[in-house]
Amino acid sequence: MWTVLVILLVAWVVLSIVGFVFEGLLWLAIIGIVLFVGTLVFGFIRQSARRAKA
């Protein structure tokens, strides 16, 4: 599970960098940042739920 989350986080970082490099794609950077934060939150919630079961 963490492997998929790390791959997604890297993808969102790359999307954000591309969005900031090309001025016309600033919207892409914003989407990348939102998806990065969403993926982090999802991962932490999932990890907390897993620890609560154990």
PDB file of N, CA and C in Angstrom:
ATOM      1  N   MET A   1       0.819  -1.196   0.000  1.00  0.00           N
ATOM      2  CA  MET A   1       0.000   0.000   0.000  1.00  0.00           C
ATOM      3  C   MET A   1       0.861   1.257   0.000  1.00  0.00           C
ATOM      4  N   TRP A   2       1.906   1.251   0.832  1.00  0.00           N
ATOM      5  CA  TRP A   2       2.757   2.439   0.906  1.00  0.00           C
ATOM      6  C   TRP A   2       3.506   2.674  -0.401  1.00  0.00           C
ATOM      7  N   THR A   3       3.798   1.606  -1.130  1.00  0.00           N
ATOM      8  CA  THR A   3       4.492   1.768  -2.412  1.00  0.00           C
ATOM      9  C   THR A   3       3.630   2.571  -3.383  1.00  0.00           C
ATOM     10  N   VAL A   4       2.357   2.245  -3.438  1.00  0.00           N
ATOM     11  CA  VAL A   4       1.436   2.971  -4.322  1.00  0.00           C
ATOM     12  C   VAL A   4       1.327   4.430  -3.890  1.00  0.00           C
ATOM     13  N   LEU A   5       1.235   4.673  -2.590  1.00  0.00           N
ATOM     14  CA  LEU A   5       1.139   6.053  -2.105  1.00  0.00           C
ATOM     15  C   LEU A   5       2.397   6.856  -2.434  1.00  0.00           C
ATOM     16  N   VAL A   6       3.558   6.239  -2.287  1.00  0.00           N
ATOM     17  CA  VAL A   6       4.810   6.944  -2.601  1.00  0.00           C
ATOM     18  C   VAL A   6       4.881   7.256  -4.086  1.00  0.00           C
ATOM     19  N   ILE A   7       4.478   6.313  -4.925  1.00  0.00           N
ATOM     20  CA  ILE A   7       4.473   6.555  -6.376  1.00  0.00           C
ATOM     21  C   ILE A   7       3.530   7.704  -6.712  1.00  0.00           C
ATOM     22  N   LEU A   8       2.337   7.716  -6.094  1.00  0.00           N
ATOM     23  CA  LEU A   8       1.399   8.817  -6.331  1.00  0.00           C
ATOM     24  C   LEU A   8       1.960  10.153  -5.854  1.00  0.00           C
ATOM     25  N   LEU A   9       2.597  10.157  -4.688  1.00  0.00           N
ATOM     26  CA  LEU A   9       3.178  11.399  -4.176  1.00  0.00           C
ATOM     27  C   LEU A   9       4.251  11.935  -5.117  1.00  0.00           C
ATOM     28  N   VAL A  10       5.088  11.053  -5.636  1.00  0.00           N
ATOM     29  CA  VAL A  10       6.128  11.478  -6.587  1.00  0.00           C
ATOM     30  C   VAL A  10       5.482  12.034  -7.851  1.00  0.00           C
ATOM     31  N   ALA A  11       4.431  11.368  -8.321  1.00  0.00           N
ATOM     32  CA  ALA A  11       3.737  11.845  -9.527  1.00  0.00           C
ATOM     33  C   ALA A  11       3.147  13.240  -9.303  1.00  0.00           C
ATOM     34  N   TRP A  12       2.558  13.473  -8.135  1.00  0.00           N
ATOM     35  CA  TRP A  12       1.966  14.787  -7.856  1.00  0.00           C
ATOM     36  C   TRP A  12       3.048  15.865  -7.739  1.00  0.00           C
ATOM     37  N   VAL A  13       4.191  15.518  -7.180  1.00  0.00           N
ATOM     38  CA  VAL A  13       5.295  16.488  -7.091  1.00  0.00           C
ATOM     39  C   VAL A  13       5.778  16.861  -8.490  1.00  0.00           C
ATOM     40  N   VAL A  14       5.927  15.866  -9.350  1.00  0.00           N
ATOM     41  CA  VAL A  14       6.364  16.136 -10.729  1.00  0.00           C
ATOM     42  C   VAL A  14       5.343  17.016 -11.437  1.00  0.00           C
ATOM     43  N   LEU A  15       4.050  16.721 -11.253  1.00  0.00           N
ATOM     44  CA  LEU A  15       3.001  17.535 -11.857  1.00  0.00           C
ATOM     45  C   LEU A  15       3.084  18.979 -11.370  1.00  0.00           C
ATOM     46  N   SER A  16       3.320  19.162 -10.087  1.00  0.00           N
ATOM     47  CA  SER A  16       3.416  20.515  -9.526  1.00  0.00           C
ATOM     48  C   SER A  16       4.620  21.258 -10.082  1.00  0.00           C
ATOM     49  N   ILE A  17       5.746  20.590 -10.188  1.00  0.00           N
ATOM     50  CA  ILE A  17       6.951  21.230 -10.725  1.00  0.00           C
ATOM     51  C   ILE A  17       6.729  21.647 -12.162  1.00  0.00           C
ATOM     52  N   VAL A  18       6.144  20.764 -12.964  1.00  0.00           N
ATOM     53  CA  VAL A  18       5.861  21.109 -14.368  1.00  0.00           C
ATOM     54  C   VAL A  18       4.919  22.303 -14.423  1.00  0.00           C
ATOM     55  N   GLY A  19       3.930  22.331 -13.539  1.00  0.00           N
ATOM     56  CA  GLY A  19       2.980  23.448 -13.511  1.00  0.00           C
ATOM     57  C   GLY A  19       3.637  24.767 -13.165  1.00  0.00           C
ATOM     58  N   PHE A  20       4.609  24.746 -12.251  1.00  0.00           N
ATOM     59  CA  PHE A  20       5.290  25.986 -11.882  1.00  0.00           C
ATOM     60  C   PHE A  20       6.318  26.413 -12.930  1.00  0.00           C
ATOM     61  N   VAL A  21       6.910  25.462 -13.627  1.00  0.00           N
ATOM     62  CA  VAL A  21       7.921  25.793 -14.642  1.00  0.00           C
ATOM     63  C   VAL A  21       7.276  26.490 -15.827  1.00  0.00           C
ATOM     64  N   PHE A  22       6.150  25.967 -16.280  1.00  0.00           N
ATOM     65  CA  PHE A  22       5.457  26.561 -17.417  1.00  0.00           C
ATOM     66  C   PHE A  22       4.316  27.425 -16.889  1.00  0.00           C
ATOM     67  N   GLU A  23       4.419  28.728 -17.093  1.00  0.00           N
ATOM     68  CA  GLU A  23       3.471  29.675 -16.525  1.00  0.00           C
ATOM     69  C   GLU A  23       2.030  29.406 -16.940  1.00  0.00           C
ATOM     70  N   GLY A  24       1.826  28.939 -18.151  1.00  0.00           N
ATOM     71  CA  GLY A  24       0.468  28.664 -18.621  1.00  0.00           C
ATOM     72  C   GLY A  24      -0.164  27.465 -17.946  1.00  0.00           C
ATOM     73  N   LEU A  25       0.652  26.677 -17.261  1.00  0.00           N
ATOM     74  CA  LEU A  25       0.141  25.475 -16.613  1.00  0.00           C
ATOM     75  C   LEU A  25       0.087  25.614 -15.089  1.00  0.00           C
ATOM     76  N   LEU A  26      -0.128  26.821 -14.610  1.00  0.00           N
ATOM     77  CA  LEU A  26      -0.199  27.039 -13.169  1.00  0.00           C
ATOM     78  C   LEU A  26      -1.332  26.238 -12.541  1.00  0.00           C
ATOM     79  N   TRP A  27      -2.416  26.052 -13.271  1.00  0.00           N
ATOM     80  CA  TRP A  27      -3.529  25.256 -12.778  1.00  0.00           C
ATOM     81  C   TRP A  27      -3.082  23.823 -12.507  1.00  0.00           C
ATOM     82  N   LEU A  28      -2.133  23.330 -13.293  1.00  0.00           N
ATOM     83  CA  LEU A  28      -1.618  21.978 -13.097  1.00  0.00           C
ATOM     84  C   LEU A  28      -0.861  21.885 -11.779  1.00  0.00           C
ATOM     85  N   ALA A  29      -0.139  22.927 -11.431  1.00  0.00           N
ATOM     86  CA  ALA A  29       0.583  22.953 -10.162  1.00  0.00           C
ATOM     87  C   ALA A  29      -0.396  22.939  -8.992  1.00  0.00           C
ATOM     88  N   ILE A  30      -1.465  23.684  -9.105  1.00  0.00           N
ATOM     89  CA  ILE A  30      -2.455  23.732  -8.028  1.00  0.00           C
ATOM     90  C   ILE A  30      -3.116  22.372  -7.852  1.00  0.00           C
ATOM     91  N   ILE A  31      -3.475  21.738  -8.951  1.00  0.00           N
ATOM     92  CA  ILE A  31      -4.070  20.401  -8.882  1.00  0.00           C
ATOM     93  C   ILE A  31      -3.076  19.415  -8.285  1.00  0.00           C
ATOM     94  N   GLY A  32      -1.816  19.510  -8.677  1.00  0.00           N
ATOM     95  CA  GLY A  32      -0.788  18.623  -8.138  1.00  0.00           C
ATOM     96  C   GLY A  32      -0.629  18.780  -6.639  1.00  0.00           C
ATOM     97  N   ILE A  33      -0.654  20.004  -6.152  1.00  0.00           N
ATOM     98  CA  ILE A  33      -0.521  20.256  -4.711  1.00  0.00           C
ATOM     99  C   ILE A  33      -1.729  19.705  -3.959  1.00  0.00           C
ATOM    100  N   VAL A  34      -2.924  19.933  -4.486  1.00  0.00           N
ATOM    101  CA  VAL A  34      -4.136  19.430  -3.834  1.00  0.00           C
ATOM    102  C   VAL A  34      -4.122  17.902  -3.785  1.00  0.00           C
ATOM    103  N   LEU A  35      -3.744  17.255  -4.880  1.00  0.00           N
ATOM    104  CA  LEU A  35      -3.686  15.800  -4.906  1.00  0.00           C
ATOM    105  C   LEU A  35      -2.597  15.266  -3.982  1.00  0.00           C
ATOM    106  N   PHE A  36      -1.473  15.974  -3.879  1.00  0.00           N
ATOM    107  CA  PHE A  36      -0.393  15.573  -2.975  1.00  0.00           C
ATOM    108  C   PHE A  36      -0.880  15.571  -1.532  1.00  0.00           C
ATOM    109  N   VAL A  37      -1.527  16.654  -1.131  1.00  0.00           N
ATOM    110  CA  VAL A  37      -2.037  16.759   0.240  1.00  0.00           C
ATOM    111  C   VAL A  37      -3.124  15.710   0.484  1.00  0.00           C
ATOM    112  N   GLY A  38      -4.000  15.515  -0.483  1.00  0.00           N
ATOM    113  CA  GLY A  38      -5.055  14.513  -0.343  1.00  0.00           C
ATOM    114  C   GLY A  38      -4.504  13.108  -0.189  1.00  0.00           C
ATOM    115  N   THR A  39      -3.472  12.783  -0.940  1.00  0.00           N
ATOM    116  CA  THR A  39      -2.851  11.471  -0.844  1.00  0.00           C
ATOM    117  C   THR A  39      -2.174  11.288   0.505  1.00  0.00           C
ATOM    118  N   LEU A  40      -1.506  12.317   0.998  1.00  0.00           N
ATOM    119  CA  LEU A  40      -0.891  12.233   2.326  1.00  0.00           C
ATOM    120  C   LEU A  40      -1.939  12.002   3.413  1.00  0.00           C
ATOM    121  N   VAL A  41      -3.016  12.754   3.365  1.00  0.00           N
ATOM    122  CA  VAL A  41      -4.075  12.608   4.361  1.00  0.00           C
ATOM    123  C   VAL A  41      -4.669  11.205   4.294  1.00  0.00           C
ATOM    124  N   PHE A  42      -4.930  10.723   3.085  1.00  0.00           N
ATOM    125  CA  PHE A  42      -5.475   9.381   2.907  1.00  0.00           C
ATOM    126  C   PHE A  42      -4.532   8.335   3.495  1.00  0.00           C
ATOM    127  N   GLY A  43      -3.250   8.477   3.250  1.00  0.00           N
ATOM    128  CA  GLY A  43      -2.267   7.527   3.770  1.00  0.00           C
ATOM    129  C   GLY A  43      -2.212   7.531   5.285  1.00  0.00           C
ATOM    130  N   PHE A  44      -2.248   8.710   5.892  1.00  0.00           N
ATOM    131  CA  PHE A  44      -2.196   8.787   7.345  1.00  0.00           C
ATOM    132  C   PHE A  44      -3.468   8.238   7.983  1.00  0.00           C
ATOM    133  N   ILE A  45      -4.614   8.508   7.389  1.00  0.00           N
ATOM    134  CA  ILE A  45      -5.871   7.972   7.915  1.00  0.00           C
ATOM    135  C   ILE A  45      -5.875   6.452   7.801  1.00  0.00           C
ATOM    136  N   ARG A  46      -5.435   5.967   6.677  1.00  0.00           N
ATOM    137  CA  ARG A  46      -5.387   4.509   6.458  1.00  0.00           C
ATOM    138  C   ARG A  46      -4.428   3.847   7.461  1.00  0.00           C
ATOM    139  N   GLN A  47      -3.291   4.466   7.702  1.00  0.00           N
ATOM    140  CA  GLN A  47      -2.311   3.911   8.640  1.00  0.00           C
ATOM    141  C   GLN A  47      -2.866   3.945  10.073  1.00  0.00           C
ATOM    142  N   SER A  48      -3.549   5.011  10.439  1.00  0.00           N
ATOM    143  CA  SER A  48      -4.145   5.117  11.778  1.00  0.00           C
ATOM    144  C   SER A  48      -5.220   4.052  11.981  1.00  0.00           C
ATOM    145  N   ALA A  49      -6.018   3.812  10.975  1.00  0.00           N
ATOM    146  CA  ALA A  49      -7.068   2.802  11.071  1.00  0.00           C
ATOM    147  C   ALA A  49      -6.454   1.408  11.211  1.00  0.00           C
ATOM    148  N   ARG A  50      -5.371   1.171  10.515  1.00  0.00           N
ATOM    149  CA  ARG A  50      -4.699  -0.125  10.589  1.00  0.00           C
ATOM    150  C   ARG A  50      -4.111  -0.348  11.975  1.00  0.00           C
ATOM    151  N   ARG A  51      -3.537   0.693  12.564  1.00  0.00           N
ATOM    152  CA  ARG A  51      -2.963   0.581  13.910  1.00  0.00           C
ATOM    153  C   ARG A  51      -4.056   0.389  14.962  1.00  0.00           C
ATOM    154  N   ALA A  52      -5.201   1.001  14.760  1.00  0.00           N
ATOM    155  CA  ALA A  52      -6.296   0.879  15.714  1.00  0.00           C
ATOM    156  C   ALA A  52      -6.829  -0.555  15.766  1.00  0.00           C
ATOM    157  N   LYS A  53      -6.788  -1.254  14.640  1.00  0.00           N
ATOM    158  CA  LYS A  53      -7.267  -2.643  14.595  1.00  0.00           C
ATOM    159  C   LYS A  53      -6.323  -3.579  15.329  1.00  0.00           C
ATOM    160  N   ALA A  54      -5.049  -3.264  15.299  1.00  0.00           N
ATOM    161  CA  ALA A  54      -4.050  -4.176  15.884  1.00  0.00           C
ATOM    162  C   ALA A  54      -3.983  -4.135  17.369  1.00  0.00           C
TER     163      ALA A  54
END
